[in-house]
Protein backbone atom coordinates (compact mmCIF):
# COMPACT_ATOMS: atom_id res chain seq x y z
CA UNK A 1 -21.11 5.63 25.28
CA UNK A 2 -21.96 3.57 22.01
CA UNK A 3 -21.39 0.29 21.69
CA UNK A 4 -18.86 -0.95 19.21
CA UNK A 5 -17.79 -3.90 16.87
CA UNK A 6 -14.35 -4.40 16.54
CA UNK A 7 -13.60 -6.59 13.52
CA UNK A 8 -10.04 -8.62 14.13
CA UNK A 9 -8.72 -10.70 10.85
CA UNK A 10 -5.52 -13.46 10.97
CA UNK A 11 -3.62 -15.80 8.75
CA UNK A 12 -3.24 -19.17 10.12
CA UNK A 13 0.42 -19.98 10.56
CA UNK A 14 -0.77 -23.33 8.29
CA UNK A 15 -4.22 -24.41 6.59
CA UNK A 16 -3.95 -27.64 8.63
CA UNK A 17 -4.25 -25.50 11.91
CA UNK A 18 -8.22 -25.04 11.31
CA UNK A 19 -9.12 -27.28 13.83
CA UNK A 20 -6.73 -26.25 16.70
CA UNK A 21 -8.42 -22.73 16.05
CA UNK A 22 -11.98 -24.04 16.41
CA UNK A 23 -10.47 -25.57 19.89
CA UNK A 24 -8.34 -22.49 21.07
CA UNK A 25 -11.69 -20.27 19.84
CA UNK A 26 -14.07 -22.20 21.95
CA UNK A 27 -11.47 -21.72 25.18
CA UNK A 28 -11.74 -17.70 24.28
CA UNK A 29 -14.92 -17.37 24.03
CA UNK A 30 -14.99 -18.72 27.61
CA UNK A 31 -12.70 -16.07 28.56
CA UNK A 32 -14.64 -13.57 27.63
CA UNK A 33 -18.07 -14.73 29.01
CA UNK A 34 -18.73 -12.60 32.21
CA UNK A 35 -16.34 -9.68 31.39
CA UNK A 36 -17.10 -6.76 32.01
CA UNK A 37 -18.78 -4.72 29.00
CA UNK A 38 -18.37 -7.73 26.75
CA UNK A 39 -21.82 -8.97 24.25
CA UNK A 40 -20.52 -11.03 22.23
CA UNK A 41 -17.96 -12.97 19.72
CA UNK A 42 -17.85 -14.92 16.75
CA UNK A 43 -14.98 -16.39 14.60
CA UNK A 44 -15.38 -17.37 11.24
CA UNK A 45 -12.65 -18.73 8.44
CA UNK A 46 -13.34 -16.77 4.85
CA UNK A 47 -12.93 -18.26 1.39
CA UNK A 48 -9.14 -16.47 1.19
CA UNK A 49 -8.21 -18.50 4.24
CA UNK A 50 -8.32 -15.44 6.95
CA UNK A 51 -9.52 -15.98 10.22
CA UNK A 52 -12.52 -13.19 10.95
CA UNK A 53 -13.43 -12.67 14.52
CA UNK A 54 -16.14 -9.73 15.57
CA UNK A 55 -16.29 -8.85 18.56
CA UNK A 56 -19.20 -6.77 19.99
CA UNK A 57 -18.28 -4.35 23.09
CA UNK A 58 -20.99 -1.95 25.23
CA UNK A 59 -18.15 0.87 24.46
CA UNK A 60 -14.97 1.36 23.26
CA UNK A 61 -13.83 2.02 26.69
CA UNK A 62 -14.84 -1.21 28.07
CA UNK A 63 -12.83 -3.03 24.84
CA UNK A 64 -9.81 -0.98 26.04
CA UNK A 65 -10.45 -1.67 29.98
CA UNK A 66 -10.03 -5.36 28.95
CA UNK A 67 -7.10 -4.76 25.99
CA UNK A 68 -5.48 -3.37 29.31
CA UNK A 69 -6.24 -6.21 31.80
CA UNK A 70 -5.14 -8.71 28.48
CA UNK A 71 -1.88 -7.02 28.37
CA UNK A 72 -0.94 -7.15 31.88
CA UNK A 73 -1.87 -10.58 33.06
CA UNK A 74 0.76 -12.89 33.41
CA UNK A 75 -1.18 -16.11 34.84
CA UNK A 76 0.04 -19.42 33.42
CA UNK A 77 -3.28 -20.14 32.22
CA UNK A 78 -3.57 -16.72 30.02
CA UNK A 79 0.31 -17.34 29.11
CA UNK A 80 -0.13 -21.07 27.73
CA UNK A 81 -3.15 -19.48 25.44
CA UNK A 82 -1.15 -17.06 23.89
CA UNK A 83 1.42 -19.46 23.26
CA UNK A 84 -1.08 -21.40 21.69
CA UNK A 85 -2.66 -18.64 20.07
CA UNK A 86 1.02 -17.57 18.23
CA UNK A 87 1.69 -21.54 17.51
CA UNK A 88 -1.82 -21.03 15.64
CA UNK A 89 -2.06 -18.04 14.29
CA UNK A 90 0.58 -15.65 12.07
CA UNK A 91 0.36 -12.62 14.96
CA UNK A 92 2.18 -10.16 12.43
CA UNK A 93 -0.71 -10.76 10.03
CA UNK A 94 -3.46 -9.52 12.70
CA UNK A 95 -5.12 -6.53 11.73
CA UNK A 96 -8.22 -4.69 13.75
CA UNK A 97 -10.97 -2.33 13.00
CA UNK A 98 -13.46 -0.82 15.41
CA UNK A 99 -17.13 0.10 14.20
CA UNK A 100 -19.78 1.97 15.82
CA UNK A 101 -22.99 0.00 16.41
CA UNK A 102 -26.07 1.79 15.16
């Protein structure tokens, strides 16, 4: 199994929501801490106004397992975080690419 990097690109619903994104991004980092196979996550805003998130995982299998877990979560705390993400980000604009680390 090779380590992977996932790069996600999103648009803010409004450029004035960048500070809200920074707060939520910190919460996401806390949520990911300790997840099996998770290595790191960084978030940045490009000159194009898009938000980029770079996540590193021990393997594609670890990332997929976490994705499945996330999609099955129904707890209130997660639902609030997901709603906040939808308020801040244009989810339809999201793209994600995976790369094998060398």
